Amino acid sequence: MKKFAFISTNSIKEYYSFLLNKQKSHKFIIDTIKISWLFVFLALCWFIYLRFVSLASTEWYFLRKANNELASIQFKQEIVKTEILEQTQRNRERMYWTNQTKKIIEIRPEIVKVPNKTELSYK
């Protein structure tokens, strides 16, 4: 024996019309709830953007800026080192090349022990 459940379409139609009437009567409240959820969602998205995207890019921006400043300072330091080395080289060249052209004997203040029986001569 088969059992058959029958629901009349009138009861479905009446329930549907009841829901429509209830929705029409509470339309303002439903719209307010929808708008408030939309604002909550937008505020959450804005918070996520500020916290993770904008803050991270700002930190990386300042880090890159500091690295660029450090690189420029190091570059200037290397230029100064190069200039100091060039000036030192020029000073050495002036000092030693002028001594060679004038044929000046370089005397160094060193203590030398000479035996008593040795004759000194200049050749």
Protein backbone atom coordinates (compact mmCIF):
# COMPACT_ATOMS: atom_id res chain seq x y z
CA MET A 1 0.00 0.00 0.00
CA LYS A 2 1.40 3.37 -1.04
CA LYS A 3 1.03 6.42 1.07
CA PHE A 4 0.72 9.71 -0.68
CA ALA A 5 1.23 13.07 1.01
CA PHE A 6 -0.74 15.84 -0.52
CA ILE A 7 -0.23 19.47 0.26
CA SER A 8 -2.77 21.78 -1.17
CA THR A 9 -1.46 24.64 -3.24
CA ASN A 10 -3.78 27.00 -1.45
CA SER A 11 -1.87 26.66 1.81
CA ILE A 12 1.45 27.28 0.03
CA LYS A 13 -0.03 30.29 -1.74
CA GLU A 14 -1.40 31.67 1.51
CA TYR A 15 1.94 31.20 3.32
CA TYR A 16 3.82 32.86 0.45
CA SER A 17 1.48 35.83 0.44
CA PHE A 18 1.83 36.04 4.23
CA LEU A 19 5.63 36.20 3.88
CA LEU A 20 5.36 38.87 1.19
CA ASN A 21 3.05 40.99 3.34
CA LYS A 22 5.29 40.56 6.36
CA GLN A 23 8.30 41.55 4.27
CA LYS A 24 6.52 44.63 2.96
CA SER A 25 5.56 45.69 6.45
CA HIS A 26 9.11 45.25 7.77
CA LYS A 27 10.90 46.48 4.62
CA PHE A 28 12.52 49.45 6.43
CA ILE A 29 14.00 47.20 9.12
CA ILE A 30 15.29 44.68 6.57
CA ASP A 31 16.85 47.45 4.46
CA THR A 32 18.47 48.93 7.55
CA ILE A 33 19.94 45.56 8.46
CA LYS A 34 21.26 45.06 4.91
CA ILE A 35 22.87 48.52 4.86
CA SER A 36 24.40 48.03 8.30
CA TRP A 37 25.93 44.71 7.23
CA LEU A 38 27.26 46.38 4.12
CA PHE A 39 28.93 49.09 6.23
CA VAL A 40 30.36 46.46 8.56
CA PHE A 41 31.76 44.54 5.58
CA LEU A 42 33.26 47.69 4.05
CA ALA A 43 34.78 48.71 7.39
CA LEU A 44 36.30 45.25 7.77
CA CYS A 45 37.74 45.39 4.26
CA TRP A 46 39.15 48.88 4.94
CA PHE A 47 40.72 47.69 8.20
CA ILE A 48 42.33 44.69 6.46
CA TYR A 49 43.65 46.96 3.71
CA LEU A 50 45.11 49.47 6.18
CA ARG A 51 46.58 46.84 8.46
CA PHE A 52 48.19 44.51 5.98
CA VAL A 53 48.57 46.22 2.63
CA SER A 54 49.10 49.88 3.36
CA LEU A 55 51.15 49.43 6.52
CA ALA A 56 53.43 46.87 4.89
CA SER A 57 53.99 49.03 1.82
CA THR A 58 54.71 52.04 4.04
CA GLU A 59 57.27 50.08 6.05
CA TRP A 60 58.94 48.86 2.86
CA TYR A 61 58.92 52.41 1.49
CA PHE A 62 60.79 53.77 4.49
CA LEU A 63 63.15 50.78 4.48
CA ARG A 64 63.99 51.38 0.79
CA LYS A 65 64.46 55.08 1.47
CA ALA A 66 66.86 54.35 4.34
CA ASN A 67 68.76 51.83 2.21
CA ASN A 68 69.10 54.37 -0.59
CA GLU A 69 70.43 56.97 1.85
CA LEU A 70 72.88 54.41 3.25
CA ALA A 71 74.06 53.51 -0.24
CA SER A 72 74.60 57.17 -1.15
CA ILE A 73 76.56 57.76 2.08
CA GLN A 74 78.71 54.71 1.40
CA PHE A 75 79.30 55.91 -2.16
CA LYS A 76 80.39 59.35 -0.90
CA GLN A 77 82.67 57.65 1.64
CA GLU A 78 84.30 55.61 -1.12
CA ILE A 79 84.84 58.78 -3.16
CA VAL A 80 86.52 60.46 -0.17
CA LYS A 81 88.69 57.36 0.40
CA THR A 82 89.73 57.43 -3.26
CA GLU A 83 90.61 61.12 -3.06
CA ILE A 84 92.68 60.53 0.10
CA LEU A 85 94.54 57.67 -1.57
CA GLU A 86 95.22 59.79 -4.66
CA GLN A 87 96.51 62.67 -2.54
CA THR A 88 98.71 60.28 -0.54
CA GLN A 89 100.10 58.86 -3.78
CA ARG A 90 100.80 62.37 -5.10
CA ASN A 91 102.57 63.28 -1.85
CA ARG A 92 104.73 60.15 -2.02
CA GLU A 93 105.58 60.81 -5.64
CA ARG A 94 106.56 64.40 -4.87
CA MET A 95 108.66 63.36 -1.94
CA TYR A 96 110.50 60.44 -3.57
CA TRP A 97 110.79 61.78 -7.11
CA THR A 98 112.25 65.09 -5.96
CA ASN A 99 114.79 63.20 -3.82
CA GLN A 100 115.87 61.13 -6.81
CA THR A 101 116.23 64.11 -9.12
CA LYS A 102 118.31 66.05 -6.58
CA LYS A 103 120.37 62.96 -5.69
CA ILE A 104 120.13 63.61 -2.00
CA ILE A 105 121.53 60.94 0.22
CA GLU A 106 118.96 59.72 2.62
CA ILE A 107 120.25 59.53 6.14
CA ARG A 108 118.41 57.43 8.61
CA PRO A 109 119.01 57.83 12.31
CA GLU A 110 119.99 54.30 13.11
CA ILE A 111 122.55 53.19 15.64
CA VAL A 112 125.27 51.05 14.13
CA LYS A 113 128.03 49.44 16.12
CA VAL A 114 131.31 49.47 14.29
CA PRO A 115 134.29 47.45 15.55
CA ASN A 116 137.24 49.55 16.80
CA LYS A 117 139.81 48.25 14.30
CA THR A 118 137.69 48.96 11.18
CA GLU A 119 138.62 51.79 8.86
CA LEU A 120 135.68 53.70 7.45
CA SER A 121 135.82 54.94 3.92
CA TYR A 122 133.38 56.44 1.52
CA LYS A 123 133.35 55.03 -2.01
